[in-house]
Amino acid sequence: MVSPRTAASQVRGGVIWAFGASLREATEVDPRYGGFLNNDLADYVVPVNADIGEIEVDFINEPDLLANSVGVKGLGEVAMVGASAAIANAIFHATGKRLRELPIRVEHLL
């Protein structure tokens, strides 16, 4: 790991991004005219600090020499993939309903 602090921040950002994509963020389109109904941040709901608790990040600090000769990789978006799946699996565990479309809405569970 080149910078543990930066890497942990990137993972936290990816997890918060996953919360937003899994539970909140959706572009609503007017079916009559094709315009966006939520075209600003007042209507497009993204997670804020009050929505997110503490996120603990830990790493296994071993180089991956198969990736490249230095043994490092980027973290940016890769953290989102596992977090979105974990959220969907937690909803399945709680409700018994497997949803395969994001964002997950209450009306999808009814």
N, C-alpha and C. Protein backbone atom coordinates (compact mmCIF):
# COMPACT_ATOMS: atom_id res chain seq x y z
N MET A 1 0.85 -1.16 0.00
CA MET A 1 0.00 0.00 0.00
C MET A 1 0.91 1.24 0.00
N VAL A 2 0.68 2.10 -0.93
CA VAL A 2 1.51 3.30 -1.03
C VAL A 2 1.13 4.30 0.05
N SER A 3 -0.17 4.56 0.20
CA SER A 3 -0.65 5.50 1.22
C SER A 3 -1.85 4.89 1.95
N PRO A 4 -1.67 4.36 3.14
CA PRO A 4 -2.78 3.73 3.86
C PRO A 4 -3.94 4.69 4.12
N ARG A 5 -3.66 5.94 4.43
CA ARG A 5 -4.72 6.91 4.70
C ARG A 5 -5.56 7.16 3.44
N THR A 6 -4.90 7.35 2.31
CA THR A 6 -5.63 7.57 1.06
C THR A 6 -6.41 6.33 0.66
N ALA A 7 -5.82 5.17 0.83
CA ALA A 7 -6.51 3.92 0.49
C ALA A 7 -7.76 3.73 1.34
N ALA A 8 -7.66 3.99 2.64
CA ALA A 8 -8.82 3.86 3.52
C ALA A 8 -9.90 4.86 3.15
N SER A 9 -9.51 6.07 2.78
CA SER A 9 -10.49 7.08 2.36
C SER A 9 -11.19 6.66 1.07
N GLN A 10 -10.45 6.07 0.15
CA GLN A 10 -11.06 5.61 -1.10
C GLN A 10 -12.07 4.50 -0.83
N VAL A 11 -11.75 3.58 0.07
CA VAL A 11 -12.68 2.50 0.40
C VAL A 11 -13.93 3.06 1.07
N ARG A 12 -13.76 3.98 2.02
CA ARG A 12 -14.92 4.61 2.67
C ARG A 12 -15.80 5.31 1.65
N GLY A 13 -15.18 6.04 0.73
CA GLY A 13 -15.95 6.71 -0.32
C GLY A 13 -16.71 5.72 -1.19
N GLY A 14 -16.09 4.59 -1.52
CA GLY A 14 -16.77 3.56 -2.31
C GLY A 14 -17.94 2.95 -1.57
N VAL A 15 -17.81 2.75 -0.27
CA VAL A 15 -18.90 2.19 0.53
C VAL A 15 -20.06 3.18 0.59
N ILE A 16 -19.77 4.45 0.79
CA ILE A 16 -20.83 5.47 0.82
C ILE A 16 -21.49 5.58 -0.55
N TRP A 17 -20.71 5.48 -1.61
CA TRP A 17 -21.26 5.48 -2.95
C TRP A 17 -22.20 4.28 -3.14
N ALA A 18 -21.82 3.14 -2.60
CA ALA A 18 -22.66 1.94 -2.70
C ALA A 18 -23.98 2.13 -1.95
N PHE A 19 -23.94 2.76 -0.78
CA PHE A 19 -25.18 3.06 -0.06
C PHE A 19 -26.10 3.91 -0.93
N GLY A 20 -25.56 4.94 -1.52
CA GLY A 20 -26.36 5.82 -2.37
C GLY A 20 -26.93 5.09 -3.57
N ALA A 21 -26.08 4.35 -4.27
CA ALA A 21 -26.53 3.64 -5.47
C ALA A 21 -27.52 2.53 -5.14
N SER A 22 -27.34 1.88 -4.00
CA SER A 22 -28.19 0.75 -3.64
C SER A 22 -29.54 1.17 -3.08
N LEU A 23 -29.60 2.30 -2.40
CA LEU A 23 -30.81 2.64 -1.67
C LEU A 23 -31.46 3.97 -2.06
N ARG A 24 -30.75 4.85 -2.73
CA ARG A 24 -31.30 6.19 -2.92
C ARG A 24 -31.23 6.72 -4.34
N GLU A 25 -30.07 6.68 -4.96
CA GLU A 25 -29.85 7.42 -6.19
C GLU A 25 -30.56 6.79 -7.38
N ALA A 26 -31.37 7.59 -8.04
CA ALA A 26 -32.05 7.14 -9.26
C ALA A 26 -32.43 8.37 -10.07
N THR A 27 -32.23 8.28 -11.35
CA THR A 27 -32.64 9.35 -12.25
C THR A 27 -34.06 9.05 -12.70
N GLU A 28 -34.96 9.94 -12.40
CA GLU A 28 -36.37 9.78 -12.79
C GLU A 28 -36.61 10.50 -14.10
N VAL A 29 -37.18 9.79 -15.08
CA VAL A 29 -37.42 10.36 -16.40
C VAL A 29 -38.92 10.45 -16.64
N ASP A 30 -39.35 11.59 -17.16
CA ASP A 30 -40.75 11.79 -17.52
C ASP A 30 -41.05 10.96 -18.76
N PRO A 31 -41.92 9.95 -18.67
CA PRO A 31 -42.17 9.08 -19.83
C PRO A 31 -42.87 9.80 -20.98
N ARG A 32 -43.53 10.91 -20.71
CA ARG A 32 -44.24 11.63 -21.78
C ARG A 32 -43.29 12.40 -22.67
N TYR A 33 -42.32 13.09 -22.06
CA TYR A 33 -41.47 13.99 -22.83
C TYR A 33 -39.99 13.63 -22.81
N GLY A 34 -39.60 12.67 -21.97
CA GLY A 34 -38.22 12.23 -21.92
C GLY A 34 -37.30 13.14 -21.12
N GLY A 35 -37.84 14.11 -20.43
CA GLY A 35 -37.02 15.01 -19.62
C GLY A 35 -36.74 14.42 -18.24
N PHE A 36 -35.70 14.90 -17.61
CA PHE A 36 -35.36 14.44 -16.27
C PHE A 36 -36.21 15.17 -15.25
N LEU A 37 -36.81 14.41 -14.34
CA LEU A 37 -37.65 15.00 -13.31
C LEU A 37 -36.84 15.46 -12.10
N ASN A 38 -35.72 14.84 -11.86
CA ASN A 38 -34.86 15.24 -10.74
C ASN A 38 -33.51 15.67 -11.31
N ASN A 39 -33.47 16.89 -11.81
CA ASN A 39 -32.29 17.35 -12.52
C ASN A 39 -31.40 18.28 -11.69
N ASP A 40 -31.57 18.30 -10.37
CA ASP A 40 -30.66 19.06 -9.51
C ASP A 40 -30.50 18.33 -8.18
N LEU A 41 -29.61 18.81 -7.36
CA LEU A 41 -29.33 18.12 -6.10
C LEU A 41 -30.43 18.28 -5.07
N ALA A 42 -31.40 19.14 -5.33
CA ALA A 42 -32.54 19.26 -4.42
C ALA A 42 -33.45 18.05 -4.56
N ASP A 43 -33.51 17.47 -5.75
CA ASP A 43 -34.40 16.34 -6.01
C ASP A 43 -33.67 15.00 -6.14
N TYR A 44 -32.36 15.03 -6.40
CA TYR A 44 -31.57 13.81 -6.55
C TYR A 44 -30.96 13.49 -5.19
N VAL A 45 -31.44 12.47 -4.54
CA VAL A 45 -31.08 12.18 -3.15
C VAL A 45 -29.78 11.38 -3.08
N VAL A 46 -28.80 11.94 -2.41
CA VAL A 46 -27.53 11.26 -2.18
C VAL A 46 -27.31 11.13 -0.67
N PRO A 47 -26.54 10.14 -0.23
CA PRO A 47 -26.31 9.99 1.20
C PRO A 47 -25.49 11.15 1.76
N VAL A 48 -25.79 11.51 2.99
CA VAL A 48 -25.05 12.54 3.70
C VAL A 48 -24.46 11.92 4.97
N ASN A 49 -23.65 12.68 5.68
CA ASN A 49 -22.97 12.15 6.87
C ASN A 49 -23.94 11.58 7.89
N ALA A 50 -25.11 12.18 8.03
CA ALA A 50 -26.09 11.69 9.00
C ALA A 50 -26.63 10.31 8.63
N ASP A 51 -26.55 9.92 7.36
CA ASP A 51 -27.04 8.62 6.90
C ASP A 51 -26.04 7.50 7.13
N ILE A 52 -24.78 7.83 7.30
CA ILE A 52 -23.72 6.84 7.33
C ILE A 52 -23.09 6.82 8.72
N GLY A 53 -22.96 5.64 9.27
CA GLY A 53 -22.27 5.48 10.56
C GLY A 53 -20.78 5.35 10.35
N GLU A 54 -20.11 4.80 11.34
CA GLU A 54 -18.67 4.60 11.25
C GLU A 54 -18.36 3.45 10.30
N ILE A 55 -17.39 3.63 9.47
CA ILE A 55 -16.95 2.60 8.52
C ILE A 55 -15.53 2.22 8.89
N GLU A 56 -15.34 0.96 9.30
CA GLU A 56 -14.01 0.47 9.63
C GLU A 56 -13.39 -0.14 8.39
N VAL A 57 -12.16 0.23 8.11
CA VAL A 57 -11.44 -0.26 6.94
C VAL A 57 -10.18 -0.95 7.41
N ASP A 58 -9.94 -2.14 6.89
CA ASP A 58 -8.73 -2.89 7.22
C ASP A 58 -8.21 -3.52 5.94
N PHE A 59 -6.93 -3.70 5.86
CA PHE A 59 -6.30 -4.24 4.66
C PHE A 59 -5.39 -5.41 5.00
N ILE A 60 -5.21 -6.27 4.03
CA ILE A 60 -4.16 -7.28 4.08
C ILE A 60 -3.04 -6.71 3.23
N ASN A 61 -1.99 -6.26 3.87
CA ASN A 61 -0.94 -5.52 3.17
C ASN A 61 0.09 -6.46 2.56
N GLU A 62 -0.33 -7.09 1.45
CA GLU A 62 0.57 -7.95 0.70
C GLU A 62 0.57 -7.50 -0.74
N PRO A 63 1.73 -7.37 -1.35
CA PRO A 63 1.77 -6.94 -2.75
C PRO A 63 1.19 -8.01 -3.68
N ASP A 64 0.59 -7.56 -4.77
CA ASP A 64 0.04 -8.46 -5.79
C ASP A 64 0.95 -8.36 -7.02
N LEU A 65 1.96 -9.18 -7.06
CA LEU A 65 2.94 -9.10 -8.14
C LEU A 65 2.39 -9.61 -9.46
N LEU A 66 1.23 -10.26 -9.44
CA LEU A 66 0.61 -10.66 -10.71
C LEU A 66 -0.04 -9.47 -11.41
N ALA A 67 -0.42 -8.44 -10.64
CA ALA A 67 -1.06 -7.25 -11.22
C ALA A 67 -0.05 -6.43 -12.01
N ASN A 68 1.11 -6.18 -11.41
CA ASN A 68 2.18 -5.44 -12.08
C ASN A 68 3.47 -5.64 -11.29
N SER A 69 4.57 -5.11 -11.79
CA SER A 69 5.86 -5.36 -11.14
C SER A 69 5.99 -4.67 -9.78
N VAL A 70 5.22 -3.59 -9.56
CA VAL A 70 5.28 -2.89 -8.28
C VAL A 70 4.39 -3.59 -7.26
N GLY A 71 3.34 -4.25 -7.72
CA GLY A 71 2.45 -4.98 -6.82
C GLY A 71 1.32 -4.17 -6.25
N VAL A 72 0.97 -3.04 -6.87
CA VAL A 72 -0.11 -2.19 -6.36
C VAL A 72 -1.25 -2.11 -7.37
N LYS A 73 -2.43 -1.83 -6.85
CA LYS A 73 -3.63 -1.65 -7.67
C LYS A 73 -4.42 -0.47 -7.12
N GLY A 74 -5.34 0.03 -7.92
CA GLY A 74 -6.20 1.11 -7.46
C GLY A 74 -7.39 0.58 -6.67
N LEU A 75 -7.99 1.45 -5.87
CA LEU A 75 -9.11 1.06 -5.01
C LEU A 75 -10.41 1.76 -5.35
N GLY A 76 -10.36 2.82 -6.11
CA GLY A 76 -11.49 3.70 -6.32
C GLY A 76 -12.86 3.05 -6.33
N GLU A 77 -13.24 2.42 -7.39
CA GLU A 77 -14.59 1.91 -7.54
C GLU A 77 -14.77 0.48 -7.06
N VAL A 78 -13.69 -0.24 -6.83
CA VAL A 78 -13.81 -1.66 -6.50
C VAL A 78 -14.51 -1.89 -5.16
N ALA A 79 -14.42 -0.94 -4.25
CA ALA A 79 -15.08 -1.10 -2.95
C ALA A 79 -16.60 -1.05 -3.08
N MET A 80 -17.09 -0.38 -4.09
CA MET A 80 -18.55 -0.25 -4.27
C MET A 80 -19.19 -1.59 -4.60
N VAL A 81 -18.52 -2.41 -5.36
CA VAL A 81 -19.11 -3.66 -5.84
C VAL A 81 -19.50 -4.57 -4.69
N GLY A 82 -18.60 -4.80 -3.78
CA GLY A 82 -18.89 -5.68 -2.65
C GLY A 82 -19.91 -5.09 -1.70
N ALA A 83 -19.85 -3.78 -1.50
CA ALA A 83 -20.79 -3.14 -0.57
C ALA A 83 -22.21 -3.18 -1.10
N SER A 84 -22.41 -2.95 -2.38
CA SER A 84 -23.76 -3.02 -2.97
C SER A 84 -24.33 -4.42 -2.85
N ALA A 85 -23.51 -5.41 -3.10
CA ALA A 85 -23.96 -6.80 -2.97
C ALA A 85 -24.29 -7.13 -1.52
N ALA A 86 -23.49 -6.63 -0.58
CA ALA A 86 -23.76 -6.88 0.83
C ALA A 86 -25.08 -6.25 1.26
N ILE A 87 -25.39 -5.06 0.77
CA ILE A 87 -26.66 -4.41 1.10
C ILE A 87 -27.82 -5.22 0.53
N ALA A 88 -27.71 -5.64 -0.72
CA ALA A 88 -28.78 -6.44 -1.33
C ALA A 88 -28.95 -7.77 -0.59
N ASN A 89 -27.86 -8.40 -0.18
CA ASN A 89 -27.96 -9.66 0.55
C ASN A 89 -28.54 -9.46 1.94
N ALA A 90 -28.24 -8.34 2.59
CA ALA A 90 -28.83 -8.05 3.90
C ALA A 90 -30.34 -7.87 3.77
N ILE A 91 -30.78 -7.22 2.71
CA ILE A 91 -32.22 -7.05 2.48
C ILE A 91 -32.87 -8.40 2.21
N PHE A 92 -32.20 -9.26 1.44
CA PHE A 92 -32.72 -10.60 1.20
C PHE A 92 -32.82 -11.39 2.50
N HIS A 93 -31.80 -11.29 3.33
CA HIS A 93 -31.80 -12.02 4.60
C HIS A 93 -32.92 -11.53 5.51
N ALA A 94 -33.20 -10.23 5.49
CA ALA A 94 -34.23 -9.66 6.36
C ALA A 94 -35.64 -9.91 5.84
N THR A 95 -35.80 -9.94 4.52
CA THR A 95 -37.17 -10.00 3.95
C THR A 95 -37.47 -11.30 3.21
N GLY A 96 -36.42 -12.02 2.79
CA GLY A 96 -36.63 -13.22 1.99
C GLY A 96 -36.90 -12.93 0.52
N LYS A 97 -36.81 -11.68 0.13
CA LYS A 97 -37.07 -11.30 -1.27
C LYS A 97 -35.76 -10.89 -1.93
N ARG A 98 -35.41 -11.58 -3.01
CA ARG A 98 -34.18 -11.31 -3.74
C ARG A 98 -34.47 -10.24 -4.80
N LEU A 99 -33.83 -9.09 -4.66
CA LEU A 99 -34.00 -8.00 -5.61
C LEU A 99 -32.73 -7.85 -6.42
N ARG A 100 -32.87 -7.67 -7.72
CA ARG A 100 -31.71 -7.61 -8.61
C ARG A 100 -31.67 -6.31 -9.40
N GLU A 101 -32.29 -5.28 -8.86
CA GLU A 101 -32.31 -3.98 -9.53
C GLU A 101 -32.02 -2.90 -8.50
N LEU A 102 -31.15 -1.98 -8.86
CA LEU A 102 -30.81 -0.87 -7.97
C LEU A 102 -31.39 0.42 -8.54
N PRO A 103 -31.80 1.34 -7.72
CA PRO A 103 -31.81 1.31 -6.27
C PRO A 103 -32.96 0.46 -5.74
N ILE A 104 -32.78 -0.09 -4.58
CA ILE A 104 -33.81 -0.90 -3.93
C ILE A 104 -34.79 0.04 -3.25
N ARG A 105 -36.03 -0.09 -3.60
CA ARG A 105 -37.09 0.78 -3.07
C ARG A 105 -38.04 -0.04 -2.22
N VAL A 106 -38.73 0.61 -1.31
CA VAL A 106 -39.70 -0.07 -0.45
C VAL A 106 -40.77 -0.73 -1.30
N GLU A 107 -41.19 -0.06 -2.35
CA GLU A 107 -42.25 -0.64 -3.19
C GLU A 107 -41.82 -1.92 -3.90
N HIS A 108 -40.52 -2.14 -4.06
CA HIS A 108 -40.04 -3.40 -4.65
C HIS A 108 -40.18 -4.56 -3.67
N LEU A 109 -40.26 -4.26 -2.39
CA LEU A 109 -40.37 -5.29 -1.38
C LEU A 109 -41.81 -5.69 -1.09
N LEU A 110 -42.77 -4.90 -1.54
CA LEU A 110 -44.18 -5.19 -1.26
C LEU A 110 -44.74 -6.25 -2.19
